[in-house]
Amino acid sequence: MNTLDLLTWWLRLQLWVRRVNPVIAGAVGLLVLVNGALIWLAVARAELEQQYAAARSQAALPAAAPPVAPPDANQNLAQFYGALGERRQVERQLKMLFALAAKNGLVLRQGEYRSNYDRAAKLYTYHINLPVTGKYAAIWQFAFDALRALPHASLDDVSFRRDAIGVDAVEARLRMTLYLSAAPGEVR
């Protein structure tokens, strides 16, 4: 906006003010100020009500439970050994694996088994290599079912092989480890 435009605007404003009754102009100005103040107060009140509502909902929540002390090393160790499977029930656990394979429609050939004792961890491990044949989804379902049924087991490796693209049957090899103690809940 250049100087001439600004001067023109100022002169038009002066002419308009001289034509308008000063009492009416003052009343309109006061009315505009009052409306602005009312709008500002309404917005501030709405914000304050939101803050009060948030504070009331926060106050309605139950009190936080007192912090629970973390278990010490001996409790962690006892819980670890308590989660191990029993070494004397390995045959039952293997039968459970074969039953789960049959439930999922898999052909489970004879697997390879090897038992070890880990002196550092003071536990027994039972390594299992299971060659299975069936549908891809059924093999994964079997693996998940086995891990749910035997929480002390780990799925160490899975490998798949398919002879041709159009064949539904997949050959897979699952390598699992069972972590066992000599007696249930035994702490060493």
N, C-alpha and C. Protein backbone atom coordinates (compact mmCIF):
# COMPACT_ATOMS: atom_id res chain seq x y z
N MET A 1 0.85 -1.16 0.00
CA MET A 1 0.00 0.00 0.00
C MET A 1 0.91 1.24 0.00
N ASN A 2 0.71 2.09 -1.00
CA ASN A 2 1.57 3.28 -1.09
C ASN A 2 0.98 4.43 -0.27
N THR A 3 1.68 5.54 -0.24
CA THR A 3 1.31 6.68 0.60
C THR A 3 -0.01 7.30 0.14
N LEU A 4 -0.24 7.37 -1.14
CA LEU A 4 -1.47 7.96 -1.67
C LEU A 4 -2.68 7.13 -1.26
N ASP A 5 -2.55 5.82 -1.33
CA ASP A 5 -3.65 4.95 -0.92
C ASP A 5 -3.92 5.09 0.58
N LEU A 6 -2.90 5.21 1.35
CA LEU A 6 -3.06 5.36 2.79
C LEU A 6 -3.74 6.69 3.13
N LEU A 7 -3.34 7.74 2.45
CA LEU A 7 -3.94 9.05 2.67
C LEU A 7 -5.42 9.05 2.25
N THR A 8 -5.72 8.40 1.16
CA THR A 8 -7.10 8.30 0.69
C THR A 8 -7.95 7.54 1.70
N TRP A 9 -7.41 6.47 2.21
CA TRP A 9 -8.14 5.67 3.21
C TRP A 9 -8.41 6.50 4.46
N TRP A 10 -7.43 7.28 4.91
CA TRP A 10 -7.57 8.11 6.11
C TRP A 10 -8.63 9.20 5.90
N LEU A 11 -8.64 9.79 4.76
CA LEU A 11 -9.63 10.83 4.47
C LEU A 11 -11.05 10.26 4.40
N ARG A 12 -11.21 9.11 3.81
CA ARG A 12 -12.53 8.47 3.76
C ARG A 12 -13.03 8.12 5.16
N LEU A 13 -12.11 7.66 6.01
CA LEU A 13 -12.48 7.35 7.39
C LEU A 13 -12.95 8.61 8.12
N GLN A 14 -12.26 9.73 7.92
CA GLN A 14 -12.65 10.98 8.57
C GLN A 14 -14.02 11.46 8.08
N LEU A 15 -14.26 11.35 6.79
CA LEU A 15 -15.57 11.74 6.25
C LEU A 15 -16.68 10.86 6.82
N TRP A 16 -16.42 9.59 6.93
CA TRP A 16 -17.43 8.65 7.47
C TRP A 16 -17.73 8.98 8.93
N VAL A 17 -16.68 9.25 9.72
CA VAL A 17 -16.85 9.58 11.14
C VAL A 17 -17.65 10.87 11.28
N ARG A 18 -17.44 11.85 10.42
CA ARG A 18 -18.17 13.13 10.51
C ARG A 18 -19.64 12.97 10.14
N ARG A 19 -19.93 12.00 9.25
CA ARG A 19 -21.32 11.78 8.87
C ARG A 19 -22.09 11.02 9.93
N VAL A 20 -21.40 10.20 10.69
CA VAL A 20 -22.06 9.36 11.69
C VAL A 20 -22.22 10.16 12.97
N ASN A 21 -23.33 9.93 13.64
CA ASN A 21 -23.60 10.56 14.93
C ASN A 21 -22.60 9.99 15.94
N PRO A 22 -21.90 10.82 16.70
CA PRO A 22 -20.89 10.33 17.64
C PRO A 22 -21.49 9.44 18.74
N VAL A 23 -22.68 9.65 19.13
CA VAL A 23 -23.31 8.82 20.16
C VAL A 23 -23.54 7.41 19.61
N ILE A 24 -24.05 7.35 18.39
CA ILE A 24 -24.28 6.04 17.77
C ILE A 24 -22.95 5.32 17.53
N ALA A 25 -21.93 6.03 17.06
CA ALA A 25 -20.62 5.42 16.83
C ALA A 25 -20.03 4.89 18.14
N GLY A 26 -20.18 5.66 19.21
CA GLY A 26 -19.69 5.19 20.51
C GLY A 26 -20.45 3.97 20.98
N ALA A 27 -21.76 3.94 20.77
CA ALA A 27 -22.58 2.79 21.18
C ALA A 27 -22.18 1.55 20.39
N VAL A 28 -21.97 1.70 19.08
CA VAL A 28 -21.56 0.56 18.24
C VAL A 28 -20.19 0.06 18.68
N GLY A 29 -19.26 0.98 18.94
CA GLY A 29 -17.93 0.58 19.40
C GLY A 29 -17.99 -0.15 20.72
N LEU A 30 -18.82 0.35 21.64
CA LEU A 30 -18.97 -0.30 22.93
C LEU A 30 -19.60 -1.68 22.77
N LEU A 31 -20.57 -1.78 21.88
CA LEU A 31 -21.22 -3.07 21.61
C LEU A 31 -20.22 -4.09 21.05
N VAL A 32 -19.36 -3.64 20.14
CA VAL A 32 -18.33 -4.53 19.58
C VAL A 32 -17.38 -4.99 20.67
N LEU A 33 -16.96 -4.09 21.55
CA LEU A 33 -16.05 -4.46 22.64
C LEU A 33 -16.71 -5.45 23.61
N VAL A 34 -17.97 -5.22 23.94
CA VAL A 34 -18.68 -6.12 24.86
C VAL A 34 -18.82 -7.51 24.23
N ASN A 35 -19.19 -7.57 22.94
CA ASN A 35 -19.31 -8.87 22.26
C ASN A 35 -17.97 -9.60 22.23
N GLY A 36 -16.90 -8.88 21.95
CA GLY A 36 -15.56 -9.50 21.94
C GLY A 36 -15.21 -10.06 23.32
N ALA A 37 -15.52 -9.30 24.36
CA ALA A 37 -15.23 -9.77 25.72
C ALA A 37 -16.05 -11.00 26.07
N LEU A 38 -17.33 -11.01 25.66
CA LEU A 38 -18.18 -12.17 25.94
C LEU A 38 -17.69 -13.43 25.22
N ILE A 39 -17.27 -13.27 23.99
CA ILE A 39 -16.73 -14.42 23.25
C ILE A 39 -15.46 -14.93 23.91
N TRP A 40 -14.57 -14.01 24.31
CA TRP A 40 -13.34 -14.42 24.98
C TRP A 40 -13.66 -15.15 26.29
N LEU A 41 -14.62 -14.66 27.06
CA LEU A 41 -15.01 -15.31 28.31
C LEU A 41 -15.61 -16.70 28.07
N ALA A 42 -16.42 -16.85 27.01
CA ALA A 42 -17.02 -18.15 26.70
C ALA A 42 -15.94 -19.18 26.35
N VAL A 43 -14.96 -18.76 25.57
CA VAL A 43 -13.86 -19.67 25.21
C VAL A 43 -13.06 -20.05 26.45
N ALA A 44 -12.75 -19.08 27.28
CA ALA A 44 -11.98 -19.35 28.51
C ALA A 44 -12.76 -20.27 29.43
N ARG A 45 -14.08 -20.07 29.52
CA ARG A 45 -14.90 -20.93 30.39
C ARG A 45 -14.94 -22.36 29.86
N ALA A 46 -15.04 -22.53 28.54
CA ALA A 46 -15.05 -23.87 27.96
C ALA A 46 -13.73 -24.59 28.24
N GLU A 47 -12.62 -23.89 28.10
CA GLU A 47 -11.32 -24.49 28.40
C GLU A 47 -11.22 -24.89 29.87
N LEU A 48 -11.72 -24.02 30.75
CA LEU A 48 -11.69 -24.30 32.18
C LEU A 48 -12.56 -25.51 32.52
N GLU A 49 -13.73 -25.63 31.88
CA GLU A 49 -14.60 -26.78 32.11
C GLU A 49 -13.93 -28.07 31.63
N GLN A 50 -13.21 -28.01 30.51
CA GLN A 50 -12.47 -29.19 30.03
C GLN A 50 -11.40 -29.60 31.04
N GLN A 51 -10.70 -28.62 31.60
CA GLN A 51 -9.67 -28.93 32.59
C GLN A 51 -10.30 -29.54 33.84
N TYR A 52 -11.45 -29.01 34.28
CA TYR A 52 -12.14 -29.57 35.44
C TYR A 52 -12.62 -30.99 35.17
N ALA A 53 -13.15 -31.23 33.97
CA ALA A 53 -13.62 -32.58 33.62
C ALA A 53 -12.45 -33.57 33.62
N ALA A 54 -11.30 -33.15 33.08
CA ALA A 54 -10.13 -34.03 33.07
C ALA A 54 -9.66 -34.30 34.50
N ALA A 55 -9.69 -33.28 35.35
CA ALA A 55 -9.27 -33.46 36.74
C ALA A 55 -10.24 -34.38 37.48
N ARG A 56 -11.56 -34.23 37.22
CA ARG A 56 -12.53 -35.11 37.87
C ARG A 56 -12.35 -36.56 37.42
N SER A 57 -12.12 -36.79 36.11
CA SER A 57 -11.93 -38.16 35.64
C SER A 57 -10.64 -38.75 36.19
N GLN A 58 -9.61 -37.93 36.33
CA GLN A 58 -8.35 -38.41 36.91
C GLN A 58 -8.54 -38.76 38.38
N ALA A 59 -9.33 -37.95 39.09
CA ALA A 59 -9.57 -38.21 40.51
C ALA A 59 -10.44 -39.45 40.70
N ALA A 60 -11.26 -39.79 39.71
CA ALA A 60 -12.14 -40.96 39.83
C ALA A 60 -11.39 -42.27 39.61
N LEU A 61 -10.21 -42.21 39.03
CA LEU A 61 -9.43 -43.43 38.81
C LEU A 61 -8.98 -44.00 40.14
N PRO A 62 -8.90 -45.34 40.23
CA PRO A 62 -8.42 -45.92 41.49
C PRO A 62 -6.96 -45.55 41.73
N ALA A 63 -6.61 -45.51 42.97
CA ALA A 63 -5.24 -45.16 43.35
C ALA A 63 -4.27 -46.21 42.81
N ALA A 64 -3.12 -45.76 42.42
CA ALA A 64 -2.11 -46.66 41.89
C ALA A 64 -1.65 -47.61 42.98
N ALA A 65 -1.44 -48.85 42.58
CA ALA A 65 -0.97 -49.86 43.53
C ALA A 65 0.45 -49.50 43.96
N PRO A 66 0.77 -49.80 45.19
CA PRO A 66 2.14 -49.50 45.63
C PRO A 66 3.12 -50.34 44.82
N PRO A 67 4.28 -49.80 44.54
CA PRO A 67 5.24 -50.54 43.72
C PRO A 67 5.66 -51.84 44.40
N VAL A 68 5.73 -52.87 43.60
CA VAL A 68 6.13 -54.18 44.09
C VAL A 68 7.63 -54.32 43.87
N ALA A 69 8.31 -54.76 44.88
CA ALA A 69 9.75 -54.92 44.78
C ALA A 69 10.05 -56.04 43.78
N PRO A 70 11.02 -55.83 42.91
CA PRO A 70 11.38 -56.88 41.96
C PRO A 70 11.95 -58.08 42.70
N PRO A 71 11.75 -59.27 42.14
CA PRO A 71 12.27 -60.46 42.82
C PRO A 71 13.81 -60.43 42.85
N ASP A 72 14.35 -61.01 43.89
CA ASP A 72 15.80 -61.05 43.98
C ASP A 72 16.34 -62.21 43.14
N ALA A 73 17.64 -62.35 43.08
CA ALA A 73 18.27 -63.35 42.22
C ALA A 73 17.86 -64.77 42.60
N ASN A 74 17.75 -65.06 43.90
CA ASN A 74 17.36 -66.41 44.32
C ASN A 74 15.92 -66.72 43.90
N GLN A 75 15.04 -65.74 43.98
CA GLN A 75 13.66 -65.96 43.54
C GLN A 75 13.60 -66.18 42.03
N ASN A 76 14.37 -65.40 41.28
CA ASN A 76 14.43 -65.59 39.82
C ASN A 76 14.96 -66.97 39.48
N LEU A 77 15.98 -67.40 40.16
CA LEU A 77 16.57 -68.71 39.90
C LEU A 77 15.59 -69.82 40.25
N ALA A 78 14.88 -69.68 41.36
CA ALA A 78 13.88 -70.68 41.74
C ALA A 78 12.76 -70.73 40.72
N GLN A 79 12.35 -69.58 40.22
CA GLN A 79 11.29 -69.55 39.21
C GLN A 79 11.78 -70.18 37.91
N PHE A 80 13.02 -69.94 37.54
CA PHE A 80 13.59 -70.55 36.33
C PHE A 80 13.59 -72.06 36.43
N TYR A 81 14.11 -72.59 37.53
CA TYR A 81 14.17 -74.04 37.68
C TYR A 81 12.77 -74.64 37.83
N GLY A 82 11.84 -73.87 38.38
CA GLY A 82 10.46 -74.34 38.50
C GLY A 82 9.76 -74.45 37.15
N ALA A 83 10.23 -73.69 36.15
CA ALA A 83 9.61 -73.71 34.82
C ALA A 83 10.16 -74.84 33.95
N LEU A 84 11.20 -75.50 34.38
CA LEU A 84 11.77 -76.59 33.59
C LEU A 84 10.85 -77.81 33.61
N GLY A 85 10.96 -78.61 32.55
CA GLY A 85 10.22 -79.87 32.51
C GLY A 85 10.94 -80.92 33.32
N GLU A 86 10.28 -82.07 33.48
CA GLU A 86 10.89 -83.15 34.26
C GLU A 86 11.59 -84.12 33.32
N ARG A 87 12.81 -84.45 33.67
CA ARG A 87 13.61 -85.32 32.83
C ARG A 87 13.01 -86.72 32.75
N ARG A 88 12.41 -87.18 33.83
CA ARG A 88 11.88 -88.55 33.85
C ARG A 88 10.61 -88.69 33.01
N GLN A 89 10.06 -87.59 32.52
CA GLN A 89 8.84 -87.66 31.71
C GLN A 89 9.10 -87.35 30.24
N VAL A 90 10.31 -87.56 29.77
CA VAL A 90 10.66 -87.26 28.38
C VAL A 90 9.83 -88.10 27.42
N GLU A 91 9.63 -89.38 27.74
CA GLU A 91 8.85 -90.24 26.83
C GLU A 91 7.43 -89.71 26.67
N ARG A 92 6.83 -89.27 27.77
CA ARG A 92 5.47 -88.73 27.70
C ARG A 92 5.45 -87.46 26.85
N GLN A 93 6.47 -86.63 26.98
CA GLN A 93 6.54 -85.40 26.19
C GLN A 93 6.73 -85.70 24.70
N LEU A 94 7.51 -86.73 24.38
CA LEU A 94 7.68 -87.12 22.98
C LEU A 94 6.38 -87.67 22.42
N LYS A 95 5.65 -88.46 23.21
CA LYS A 95 4.35 -88.96 22.76
C LYS A 95 3.39 -87.81 22.49
N MET A 96 3.48 -86.77 23.32
CA MET A 96 2.64 -85.60 23.12
C MET A 96 2.97 -84.93 21.78
N LEU A 97 4.26 -84.84 21.43
CA LEU A 97 4.66 -84.26 20.15
C LEU A 97 4.10 -85.07 18.99
N PHE A 98 4.18 -86.40 19.08
CA PHE A 98 3.65 -87.26 18.02
C PHE A 98 2.12 -87.11 17.92
N ALA A 99 1.45 -86.99 19.05
CA ALA A 99 -0.01 -86.81 19.04
C ALA A 99 -0.38 -85.47 18.42
N LEU A 100 0.37 -84.43 18.72
CA LEU A 100 0.10 -83.11 18.13
C LEU A 100 0.34 -83.14 16.62
N ALA A 101 1.35 -83.86 16.19
CA ALA A 101 1.61 -83.97 14.75
C ALA A 101 0.44 -84.67 14.06
N ALA A 102 -0.04 -85.76 14.66
CA ALA A 102 -1.18 -86.48 14.08
C ALA A 102 -2.43 -85.59 14.07
N LYS A 103 -2.64 -84.82 15.12
CA LYS A 103 -3.80 -83.92 15.21
C LYS A 103 -3.78 -82.89 14.09
N ASN A 104 -2.60 -82.44 13.70
CA ASN A 104 -2.46 -81.45 12.63
C ASN A 104 -2.32 -82.09 11.25
N GLY A 105 -2.49 -83.40 11.16
CA GLY A 105 -2.46 -84.09 9.87
C GLY A 105 -1.08 -84.21 9.27
N LEU A 106 -0.07 -84.29 10.10
CA LEU A 106 1.30 -84.39 9.61
C LEU A 106 1.81 -85.82 9.70
N VAL A 107 2.67 -86.16 8.78
CA VAL A 107 3.37 -87.43 8.84
C VAL A 107 4.70 -87.16 9.53
N LEU A 108 4.88 -87.78 10.67
CA LEU A 108 6.07 -87.54 11.48
C LEU A 108 6.91 -88.81 11.46
N ARG A 109 8.01 -88.73 10.74
CA ARG A 109 8.91 -89.88 10.68
C ARG A 109 9.75 -89.93 11.95
N GLN A 110 10.48 -91.00 12.10
CA GLN A 110 11.35 -91.16 13.26
C GLN A 110 12.33 -90.01 13.35
N GLY A 111 12.41 -89.39 14.51
CA GLY A 111 13.30 -88.26 14.69
C GLY A 111 14.63 -88.67 15.29
N GLU A 112 15.50 -87.70 15.43
CA GLU A 112 16.79 -87.91 16.06
C GLU A 112 16.74 -87.23 17.42
N TYR A 113 17.26 -87.94 18.44
CA TYR A 113 17.19 -87.44 19.81
C TYR A 113 18.57 -87.50 20.44
N ARG A 114 18.88 -86.48 21.24
CA ARG A 114 20.17 -86.46 21.91
C ARG A 114 20.02 -85.73 23.24
N SER A 115 20.51 -86.33 24.30
CA SER A 115 20.40 -85.76 25.63
C SER A 115 21.77 -85.26 26.09
N ASN A 116 21.77 -84.11 26.76
CA ASN A 116 23.01 -83.52 27.28
C ASN A 116 22.75 -82.98 28.68
N TYR A 117 23.83 -82.84 29.44
CA TYR A 117 23.76 -82.17 30.73
C TYR A 117 24.63 -80.93 30.65
N ASP A 118 24.05 -79.78 30.94
CA ASP A 118 24.77 -78.51 30.91
C ASP A 118 25.21 -78.19 32.34
N ARG A 119 26.52 -78.32 32.61
CA ARG A 119 27.02 -78.11 33.97
C ARG A 119 26.91 -76.65 34.40
N ALA A 120 27.09 -75.74 33.49
CA ALA A 120 27.03 -74.31 33.85
C ALA A 120 25.61 -73.94 34.29
N ALA A 121 24.61 -74.41 33.54
CA ALA A 121 23.22 -74.07 33.88
C ALA A 121 22.61 -75.07 34.86
N LYS A 122 23.29 -76.19 35.06
CA LYS A 122 22.81 -77.24 35.96
C LYS A 122 21.42 -77.73 35.54
N LEU A 123 21.32 -78.07 34.23
CA LEU A 123 20.07 -78.61 33.71
C LEU A 123 20.37 -79.55 32.56
N TYR A 124 19.38 -80.36 32.24
CA TYR A 124 19.48 -81.29 31.13
C TYR A 124 18.81 -80.67 29.91
N THR A 125 19.39 -80.94 28.74
CA THR A 125 18.76 -80.53 27.49
C THR A 125 18.50 -81.78 26.67
N TYR A 126 17.40 -81.78 25.98
CA TYR A 126 17.03 -82.90 25.13
C TYR A 126 16.78 -82.33 23.74
N HIS A 127 17.72 -82.56 22.82
CA HIS A 127 17.65 -82.02 21.47
C HIS A 127 16.88 -82.99 20.58
N ILE A 128 15.93 -82.46 19.81
CA ILE A 128 15.07 -83.28 18.98
C ILE A 128 15.09 -82.72 17.56
N ASN A 129 15.36 -83.58 16.59
CA ASN A 129 15.23 -83.23 15.17
C ASN A 129 14.06 -84.02 14.62
N LEU A 130 13.02 -83.32 14.17
CA LEU A 130 11.81 -83.97 13.70
C LEU A 130 11.59 -83.69 12.21
N PRO A 131 11.71 -84.71 11.36
CA PRO A 131 11.33 -84.53 9.96
C PRO A 131 9.82 -84.77 9.82
N VAL A 132 9.10 -83.79 9.27
CA VAL A 132 7.65 -83.90 9.11
C VAL A 132 7.27 -83.59 7.67
N THR A 133 6.12 -84.15 7.26
CA THR A 133 5.59 -83.90 5.93
C THR A 133 4.12 -83.53 6.06
N GLY A 134 3.72 -82.46 5.39
CA GLY A 134 2.33 -82.02 5.43
C GLY A 134 2.20 -80.65 4.81
N LYS A 135 1.07 -80.02 5.04
CA LYS A 135 0.85 -78.68 4.50
C LYS A 135 1.63 -77.66 5.33
N TYR A 136 2.00 -76.59 4.66
CA TYR A 136 2.81 -75.54 5.28
C TYR A 136 2.15 -74.98 6.55
N ALA A 137 0.86 -74.63 6.46
CA ALA A 137 0.15 -74.08 7.61
C ALA A 137 0.05 -75.09 8.75
N ALA A 138 -0.14 -76.36 8.41
CA ALA A 138 -0.25 -77.40 9.44
C ALA A 138 1.08 -77.58 10.18
N ILE A 139 2.17 -77.41 9.47
CA ILE A 139 3.49 -77.54 10.11
C ILE A 139 3.69 -76.42 11.13
N TRP A 140 3.32 -75.18 10.74
CA TRP A 140 3.45 -74.07 11.68
C TRP A 140 2.50 -74.23 12.86
N GLN A 141 1.28 -74.72 12.57
CA GLN A 141 0.32 -74.93 13.66
C GLN A 141 0.85 -75.97 14.64
N PHE A 142 1.47 -77.02 14.12
CA PHE A 142 2.08 -78.05 14.98
C PHE A 142 3.17 -77.43 15.85
N ALA A 143 4.02 -76.58 15.26
CA ALA A 143 5.11 -75.96 16.01
C ALA A 143 4.55 -75.10 17.14
N PHE A 144 3.51 -74.30 16.84
CA PHE A 144 2.92 -73.44 17.88
C PHE A 144 2.23 -74.28 18.96
N ASP A 145 1.51 -75.34 18.54
CA ASP A 145 0.85 -76.21 19.51
C ASP A 145 1.87 -76.87 20.43
N ALA A 146 3.00 -77.29 19.85
CA ALA A 146 4.05 -77.94 20.64
C ALA A 146 4.64 -76.97 21.67
N LEU A 147 4.86 -75.73 21.28
CA LEU A 147 5.42 -74.75 22.21
C LEU A 147 4.42 -74.39 23.31
N ARG A 148 3.11 -74.40 22.99
CA ARG A 148 2.11 -74.14 24.03
C ARG A 148 2.00 -75.34 24.98
N ALA A 149 2.06 -76.55 24.44
CA ALA A 149 1.91 -77.74 25.27
C ALA A 149 3.16 -78.00 26.13
N LEU A 150 4.31 -77.60 25.62
CA LEU A 150 5.57 -77.82 26.33
C LEU A 150 6.26 -76.46 26.51
N PRO A 151 5.88 -75.70 27.55
CA PRO A 151 6.44 -74.36 27.71
C PRO A 151 7.94 -74.35 28.01
N HIS A 152 8.50 -75.48 28.34
CA HIS A 152 9.93 -75.56 28.61
C HIS A 152 10.71 -75.96 27.36
N ALA A 153 10.05 -75.90 26.20
CA ALA A 153 10.69 -76.25 24.93
C ALA A 153 11.01 -74.98 24.15
N SER A 154 11.99 -75.11 23.27
CA SER A 154 12.30 -74.00 22.36
C SER A 154 12.34 -74.55 20.95
N LEU A 155 11.91 -73.75 20.01
CA LEU A 155 11.99 -74.09 18.59
C LEU A 155 13.25 -73.43 18.08
N ASP A 156 14.27 -74.23 17.82
CA ASP A 156 15.59 -73.70 17.48
C ASP A 156 15.76 -73.44 15.99
N ASP A 157 15.13 -74.27 15.15
CA ASP A 157 15.32 -74.13 13.71
C ASP A 157 14.17 -74.81 12.98
N VAL A 158 13.77 -74.22 11.86
CA VAL A 158 12.77 -74.81 10.98
C VAL A 158 13.29 -74.65 9.56
N SER A 159 13.29 -75.73 8.79
CA SER A 159 13.66 -75.62 7.39
C SER A 159 12.61 -76.34 6.56
N PHE A 160 12.30 -75.78 5.38
CA PHE A 160 11.25 -76.32 4.52
C PHE A 160 11.85 -76.71 3.18
N ARG A 161 11.19 -77.71 2.56
CA ARG A 161 11.60 -78.15 1.23
C ARG A 161 10.35 -78.63 0.51
N ARG A 162 10.18 -78.18 -0.74
CA ARG A 162 9.05 -78.60 -1.55
C ARG A 162 9.62 -79.13 -2.86
N ASP A 163 9.12 -80.30 -3.30
CA ASP A 163 9.64 -80.92 -4.52
C ASP A 163 9.26 -80.13 -5.77
N ALA A 164 8.01 -79.66 -5.85
CA ALA A 164 7.54 -78.91 -7.01
C ALA A 164 6.56 -77.84 -6.55
N ILE A 165 6.35 -76.84 -7.37
CA ILE A 165 5.48 -75.73 -6.99
C ILE A 165 4.05 -76.19 -6.78
N GLY A 166 3.53 -77.06 -7.59
CA GLY A 166 2.13 -77.48 -7.50
C GLY A 166 1.83 -78.49 -6.41
N VAL A 167 2.82 -78.96 -5.70
CA VAL A 167 2.62 -79.99 -4.68
C VAL A 167 2.23 -79.32 -3.36
N ASP A 168 1.14 -79.82 -2.74
CA ASP A 168 0.69 -79.26 -1.46
C ASP A 168 1.59 -79.69 -0.30
N ALA A 169 2.10 -80.90 -0.37
CA ALA A 169 2.89 -81.43 0.74
C ALA A 169 4.27 -80.78 0.76
N VAL A 170 4.67 -80.39 1.96
CA VAL A 170 5.97 -79.77 2.17
C VAL A 170 6.73 -80.64 3.16
N GLU A 171 8.01 -80.81 2.90
CA GLU A 171 8.86 -81.52 3.86
C GLU A 171 9.53 -80.46 4.73
N ALA A 172 9.53 -80.71 6.01
CA ALA A 172 10.15 -79.75 6.94
C ALA A 172 10.95 -80.51 7.98
N ARG A 173 11.92 -79.81 8.51
CA ARG A 173 12.71 -80.35 9.62
C ARG A 173 12.66 -79.33 10.73
N LEU A 174 12.14 -79.78 11.88
CA LEU A 174 12.04 -78.91 13.05
C LEU A 174 13.07 -79.37 14.06
N ARG A 175 13.84 -78.41 14.55
CA ARG A 175 14.82 -78.72 15.58
C ARG A 175 14.36 -78.04 16.86
N MET A 176 14.11 -78.84 17.88
CA MET A 176 13.59 -78.33 19.16
C MET A 176 14.52 -78.77 20.28
N THR A 177 14.44 -78.04 21.39
CA THR A 177 15.19 -78.40 22.59
C THR A 177 14.24 -78.36 23.77
N LEU A 178 14.27 -79.42 24.57
CA LEU A 178 13.53 -79.46 25.82
C LEU A 178 14.52 -79.17 26.94
N TYR A 179 14.15 -78.28 27.84
CA TYR A 179 15.00 -77.94 28.99
C TYR A 179 14.41 -78.61 30.22
N LEU A 180 15.21 -79.47 30.83
CA LEU A 180 14.70 -80.37 31.86
C LEU A 180 15.53 -80.32 33.13
N SER A 181 14.85 -80.63 34.24
CA SER A 181 15.56 -80.80 35.51
C SER A 181 15.40 -82.27 35.93
N ALA A 182 16.25 -82.68 36.85
CA ALA A 182 16.20 -84.06 37.30
C ALA A 182 14.93 -84.32 38.09
N ALA A 183 14.48 -83.37 38.88
CA ALA A 183 13.26 -83.51 39.68
C ALA A 183 12.45 -82.21 39.54
N PRO A 184 11.12 -82.30 39.67
CA PRO A 184 10.29 -81.08 39.48
C PRO A 184 10.60 -80.02 40.54
N GLY A 185 10.77 -78.76 40.06
CA GLY A 185 10.99 -77.62 40.97
C GLY A 185 12.32 -77.66 41.69
N GLU A 186 13.22 -78.49 41.26
CA GLU A 186 14.50 -78.64 41.96
C GLU A 186 15.38 -77.42 41.71
N VAL A 187 15.91 -76.84 42.77
CA VAL A 187 16.83 -75.73 42.67
C VAL A 187 18.22 -76.23 43.02
N ARG A 188 19.16 -75.89 42.20
CA ARG A 188 20.52 -76.38 42.45
C ARG A 188 21.43 -75.27 42.86
